[in-house]
Amino acid sequence: MSGVSGELDGSNELAWRKMQTAAHWLWHEGISAARLRGVHKGRPASIAAAKVAALKAEGLGATEIAKRLKVGRASVYRVLAS
C-alpha cells in the first residue's frame, strides 16, 4: 500500500528527510549571510522598551501596561526581563 493516501515507504521517507535537512541548511546559510551584510534584522519591535520602563516606574503592573500599550502581557514581561 505504499504511496496511498500520502504514505511513504522507508526509502522515500529517507529521501524526504535528506531533502528537508538540505533545504534547512541552505536556508540557515542564507540567513547567516544576510545578517553579516546587515540586511536581515528580523521583525521590528512592536513595543517601546522606554514606554514600558516609564509605566513600570509609575508603579503599574504588567497587565495594566499591556492594556495601555495595546500589546500582549507576555511582550511586556519580555521587555522587562531584558
Protein backbone atom coordinates (compact mmCIF):
# COMPACT_ATOMS: atom_id res chain seq x y z
CA MET A 1 0.00 0.00 0.00
CA SER A 2 2.92 2.31 -0.41
CA GLY A 3 2.04 5.65 -1.93
CA VAL A 4 -1.62 5.51 -0.96
CA SER A 5 -3.04 8.45 1.00
CA GLY A 6 0.31 10.21 1.12
CA GLU A 7 2.08 7.38 2.93
CA LEU A 8 5.80 6.99 2.33
CA ASP A 9 7.73 3.75 2.33
CA GLY A 10 11.09 3.62 4.09
CA SER A 11 13.25 4.65 1.13
CA ASN A 12 11.01 7.56 0.15
CA GLU A 13 10.85 8.77 3.72
CA LEU A 14 14.64 8.75 4.00
CA ALA A 15 14.93 10.69 0.74
CA TRP A 16 12.35 13.21 2.01
CA ARG A 17 14.23 13.71 5.28
CA LYS A 18 17.52 14.23 3.45
CA MET A 19 15.88 16.82 1.20
CA GLN A 20 14.36 18.64 4.19
CA THR A 21 17.71 18.69 6.00
CA ALA A 22 19.49 20.07 2.94
CA ALA A 23 16.82 22.74 2.45
CA HIS A 24 17.07 23.80 6.10
CA TRP A 25 20.85 24.02 5.86
CA LEU A 26 20.64 26.23 2.76
CA TRP A 27 18.04 28.45 4.43
CA HIS A 28 20.22 28.80 7.53
CA GLU A 29 23.28 29.67 5.46
CA GLY A 30 21.32 32.34 3.59
CA ILE A 31 20.02 33.93 6.77
CA SER A 32 23.52 33.94 8.29
CA ALA A 33 24.97 35.61 5.19
CA ALA A 34 22.22 38.25 5.23
CA ARG A 35 22.86 39.00 8.89
CA LEU A 36 26.56 39.50 8.18
CA ARG A 37 25.62 42.02 5.46
CA GLY A 38 23.27 43.74 7.89
CA VAL A 39 20.24 43.02 5.72
CA HIS A 40 18.32 40.51 7.86
CA LYS A 41 17.28 42.20 11.06
CA GLY A 42 14.07 40.40 11.94
CA ARG A 43 10.72 41.89 12.73
CA PRO A 44 10.66 45.45 14.05
CA ALA A 45 9.85 45.86 17.73
CA SER A 46 6.15 46.41 18.34
CA ILE A 47 6.68 47.78 21.84
CA ALA A 48 8.92 50.58 23.06
CA ALA A 49 11.09 49.49 25.96
CA ALA A 50 11.28 53.07 27.23
CA LYS A 51 7.49 53.31 27.48
CA VAL A 52 7.33 50.02 29.38
CA ALA A 53 10.05 51.16 31.77
CA ALA A 54 8.32 54.51 32.34
CA LEU A 55 4.98 52.88 33.11
CA LYS A 56 6.67 50.35 35.40
CA ALA A 57 8.38 53.21 37.23
CA GLU A 58 4.93 54.70 37.82
CA GLY A 59 4.10 51.51 39.69
CA LEU A 60 1.87 49.87 37.10
CA GLY A 61 1.78 46.11 36.71
CA ALA A 62 2.34 44.15 33.54
CA THR A 63 -1.37 43.69 32.83
CA GLU A 64 -2.12 47.42 33.02
CA ILE A 65 0.97 48.28 30.95
CA ALA A 66 -0.13 45.80 28.30
CA LYS A 67 -3.63 47.29 28.19
CA ARG A 68 -2.34 50.85 27.85
CA LEU A 69 0.17 49.99 25.13
CA LYS A 70 -2.25 47.57 23.39
CA VAL A 71 0.21 44.69 23.39
CA GLY A 72 0.24 41.25 24.97
CA ARG A 73 1.21 40.81 28.58
CA ALA A 74 3.93 38.36 27.54
CA SER A 75 5.51 41.13 25.43
CA VAL A 76 5.65 43.36 28.50
CA TYR A 77 7.27 40.61 30.55
CA ARG A 78 9.80 40.00 27.76
CA VAL A 79 10.79 43.69 27.72
CA LEU A 80 11.01 43.85 31.50
CA ALA A 81 13.25 40.77 31.58
CA SER A 82 15.74 42.24 29.09
